């Protein structure tokens, strides 16, 4: 759908491909965004579905969310850590645009594309679904108890991811690791 703002500017609108929310299309001039980039064409996700899509495709948060459920996203400390990740990734979106409650409410809406296993994301859609169902151990306490070697390997993989975040923004990986280890519990009391 198009509407004329004035003779020189055309404002484009579309609906989010996942939740149906109405979106105004318009790229950010000079954007260097590595995540949450504004669309140049009338197609894509709203900011809330884009955040969910980023999280479900990002290891290790995708496993943590499969284990715990999306409610941990409502914890202010988690939102602050994500705002830091947005800043480090030069996101076009701003943290205040994100409606965390809407993300939680729409959590079960399907995505057309399944999560794929990649070099930086060793967990595909089948594993995430199994973790959520409780038939796959994820990287939580169950995995540590069942296989000491596997737990050490998983910890090394996680430490590598957290070290990478620390290189982007000093302390960011440590903060995320601490938050994930607590499952978001008592994170507010540490502020």
Protein backbone atom coordinates (compact mmCIF):
# COMPACT_ATOMS: atom_id res chain seq x y z
CA UNK A 1 0.00 0.00 0.00
CA UNK A 2 1.33 3.48 -0.86
CA UNK A 3 0.37 6.95 0.25
CA UNK A 4 1.80 10.30 -0.83
CA UNK A 5 3.37 12.33 1.98
CA UNK A 6 4.12 15.15 -0.48
CA UNK A 7 5.04 15.45 -4.14
CA UNK A 8 8.65 14.29 -3.62
CA UNK A 9 8.36 11.66 -0.87
CA UNK A 10 6.46 8.41 -1.15
CA UNK A 11 5.74 6.61 2.11
CA UNK A 12 5.40 2.84 1.80
CA UNK A 13 3.57 0.59 4.20
CA UNK A 14 3.42 -3.17 4.52
CA UNK A 15 2.51 -5.81 7.07
CA UNK A 16 4.93 -7.82 9.15
CA UNK A 17 5.38 -11.22 7.50
CA UNK A 18 4.92 -12.96 10.86
CA UNK A 19 2.49 -11.06 13.10
CA UNK A 20 0.71 -8.81 10.59
CA UNK A 21 1.56 -5.51 12.32
CA UNK A 22 1.51 -2.50 9.97
CA UNK A 23 4.96 -1.17 9.16
CA UNK A 24 6.25 2.01 7.61
CA UNK A 25 9.05 1.19 5.20
CA UNK A 26 12.09 3.38 4.99
CA UNK A 27 15.80 2.61 5.17
CA UNK A 28 18.01 4.55 7.53
CA UNK A 29 20.34 6.73 5.40
CA UNK A 30 23.97 5.61 5.71
CA UNK A 31 23.05 2.57 7.79
CA UNK A 32 25.86 0.27 8.89
CA UNK A 33 23.50 -2.01 10.82
CA UNK A 34 24.61 -5.59 11.31
CA UNK A 35 21.32 -6.43 13.01
CA UNK A 36 17.81 -4.98 13.03
CA UNK A 37 18.32 -3.12 9.76
CA UNK A 38 15.38 -1.13 8.38
CA UNK A 39 14.01 -2.50 5.11
CA UNK A 40 14.39 -0.72 1.79
CA UNK A 41 11.44 -2.61 0.30
CA UNK A 42 7.91 -3.24 1.63
CA UNK A 43 8.73 -6.69 3.00
CA UNK A 44 10.05 -8.12 6.26
CA UNK A 45 9.44 -8.21 10.00
CA UNK A 46 8.35 -5.64 12.54
CA UNK A 47 11.03 -4.80 15.13
CA UNK A 48 9.53 -7.26 17.66
CA UNK A 49 9.52 -10.20 15.25
CA UNK A 50 12.99 -9.19 14.01
CA UNK A 51 14.30 -9.30 17.61
CA UNK A 52 12.73 -12.74 18.11
CA UNK A 53 14.21 -13.93 14.81
CA UNK A 54 17.66 -12.65 15.83
CA UNK A 55 17.44 -14.39 19.21
CA UNK A 56 16.24 -17.72 17.82
CA UNK A 57 19.12 -17.76 15.33
CA UNK A 58 21.80 -16.66 17.80
CA UNK A 59 23.75 -19.14 19.91
CA UNK A 60 23.74 -19.44 22.92
CA UNK A 61 20.62 -17.32 23.68
CA UNK A 62 18.49 -19.54 21.44
CA UNK A 63 19.20 -22.57 23.62
CA UNK A 64 18.65 -20.63 26.85
CA UNK A 65 15.29 -19.39 25.57
CA UNK A 66 14.31 -22.90 24.43
CA UNK A 67 15.11 -24.18 27.93
CA UNK A 68 13.55 -21.39 29.97
CA UNK A 69 10.88 -19.88 27.74
CA UNK A 70 10.58 -16.27 26.59
CA UNK A 71 9.49 -14.79 29.93
CA UNK A 72 13.12 -14.08 30.88
CA UNK A 73 13.05 -11.40 28.18
CA UNK A 74 10.82 -9.33 30.48
CA UNK A 75 13.63 -8.93 33.02
CA UNK A 76 15.06 -5.40 32.72
CA UNK A 77 18.68 -6.59 32.96
CA UNK A 78 18.22 -8.86 29.93
CA UNK A 79 16.72 -5.92 28.01
CA UNK A 80 19.69 -3.74 28.98
CA UNK A 81 22.15 -6.39 27.77
CA UNK A 82 20.23 -6.63 24.48
CA UNK A 83 20.34 -2.84 24.11
CA UNK A 84 24.15 -3.09 24.43
CA UNK A 85 24.19 -5.78 21.72
CA UNK A 86 22.09 -3.49 19.49
CA UNK A 87 24.54 -0.66 20.04
CA UNK A 88 27.52 -2.89 19.24
CA UNK A 89 25.77 -4.10 16.06
CA UNK A 90 24.91 -0.55 14.92
CA UNK A 91 21.21 -1.49 14.81
CA UNK A 92 18.86 0.84 12.97
CA UNK A 93 16.20 0.12 15.58
CA UNK A 94 16.37 1.72 19.02
CA UNK A 95 15.72 -0.17 22.27
CA UNK A 96 12.58 1.86 23.05
CA UNK A 97 10.95 0.54 19.86
CA UNK A 98 10.98 -3.01 21.23
CA UNK A 99 7.81 -4.22 22.94
CA UNK A 100 9.15 -7.12 25.01
CA UNK A 101 5.70 -8.14 26.23
CA UNK A 102 4.51 -8.39 22.62
CA UNK A 103 7.51 -10.60 21.80
CA UNK A 104 6.56 -12.93 24.67
CA UNK A 105 2.86 -12.87 23.71
CA UNK A 106 3.66 -13.70 20.07
CA UNK A 107 6.38 -16.24 20.87
CA UNK A 108 4.50 -19.22 19.43
CA UNK A 109 3.64 -17.56 16.11
CA UNK A 110 5.47 -19.49 13.39
CA UNK A 111 8.35 -18.25 11.23
CA UNK A 112 8.41 -19.39 7.60
CA UNK A 113 12.10 -20.28 7.76
CA UNK A 114 13.38 -22.81 10.27
CA UNK A 115 16.54 -22.19 12.30
CA UNK A 116 19.51 -23.72 10.51
CA UNK A 117 22.69 -25.07 11.98
CA UNK A 118 25.68 -22.92 11.02
CA UNK A 119 29.32 -22.52 12.03
CA UNK A 120 28.29 -19.93 14.63
CA UNK A 121 24.99 -21.60 15.60
CA UNK A 122 25.42 -25.33 16.30
CA UNK A 123 21.73 -25.79 17.13
CA UNK A 124 19.10 -26.21 14.40
CA UNK A 125 15.30 -26.03 14.63
CA UNK A 126 14.90 -29.74 15.46
CA UNK A 127 17.25 -29.45 18.45
CA UNK A 128 15.57 -26.26 19.68
CA UNK A 129 12.16 -27.97 19.47
CA UNK A 130 13.53 -31.00 21.33
CA UNK A 131 15.08 -28.80 24.04
CA UNK A 132 11.75 -27.01 24.46
CA UNK A 133 9.94 -30.35 24.69
CA UNK A 134 12.47 -31.61 27.27
CA UNK A 135 13.70 -34.49 25.10
CA UNK A 136 17.11 -32.92 24.37
CA UNK A 137 19.39 -31.69 27.15
CA UNK A 138 20.49 -28.38 25.63
CA UNK A 139 23.57 -27.06 27.41
CA UNK A 140 22.00 -26.82 30.85
CA UNK A 141 22.49 -28.90 33.97
CA UNK A 142 21.20 -32.09 32.31
CA UNK A 143 23.99 -32.08 29.74
CA UNK A 144 26.62 -31.42 32.39
CA UNK A 145 25.41 -34.39 34.45
CA UNK A 146 25.10 -36.76 31.48
CA UNK A 147 28.46 -36.18 29.80
CA UNK A 148 31.46 -34.56 31.44
CA UNK A 149 33.36 -34.41 28.12
CA UNK A 150 30.33 -32.95 26.35
CA UNK A 151 29.87 -30.39 29.12
CA UNK A 152 33.49 -29.28 28.87
CA UNK A 153 33.17 -28.93 25.10
CA UNK A 154 29.91 -26.97 25.45
CA UNK A 155 31.50 -24.69 28.06
CA UNK A 156 34.49 -24.04 25.79
CA UNK A 157 32.14 -23.21 22.89
CA UNK A 158 30.17 -20.83 25.11
CA UNK A 159 33.32 -19.21 26.47
CA UNK A 160 34.45 -18.62 22.88
CA UNK A 161 31.11 -16.87 22.08
CA UNK A 162 31.29 -14.75 25.23
CA UNK A 163 34.92 -13.81 24.50
CA UNK A 164 33.83 -12.66 21.05
CA UNK A 165 31.17 -10.39 22.56
CA UNK A 166 33.79 -9.01 24.98
CA UNK A 167 35.93 -8.04 21.98
CA UNK A 168 33.03 -6.12 20.44
CA UNK A 169 32.02 -4.36 23.66
CA UNK A 170 34.27 -4.86 26.71
CA UNK A 171 32.36 -6.71 29.45
CA UNK A 172 29.31 -7.50 27.28
CA UNK A 173 30.06 -11.24 27.00
CA UNK A 174 30.76 -11.50 30.73
CA UNK A 175 27.50 -9.70 31.51
CA UNK A 176 25.48 -11.96 29.19
CA UNK A 177 27.17 -15.09 30.57
CA UNK A 178 26.42 -14.06 34.15
CA UNK A 179 22.81 -13.30 33.28
CA UNK A 180 22.31 -16.61 31.43
CA UNK A 181 23.92 -18.60 34.26
CA UNK A 182 21.36 -17.19 36.65
CA UNK A 183 18.55 -17.65 34.14
CA UNK A 184 17.80 -13.99 34.67
CA UNK A 185 17.00 -14.52 38.35
CA UNK A 186 18.09 -11.80 40.74
CA UNK A 187 19.68 -9.87 37.86
CA UNK A 188 17.94 -6.69 38.95
CA UNK A 189 19.48 -6.83 42.43
CA UNK A 190 22.98 -6.55 40.93
CA UNK A 191 22.41 -3.15 39.34
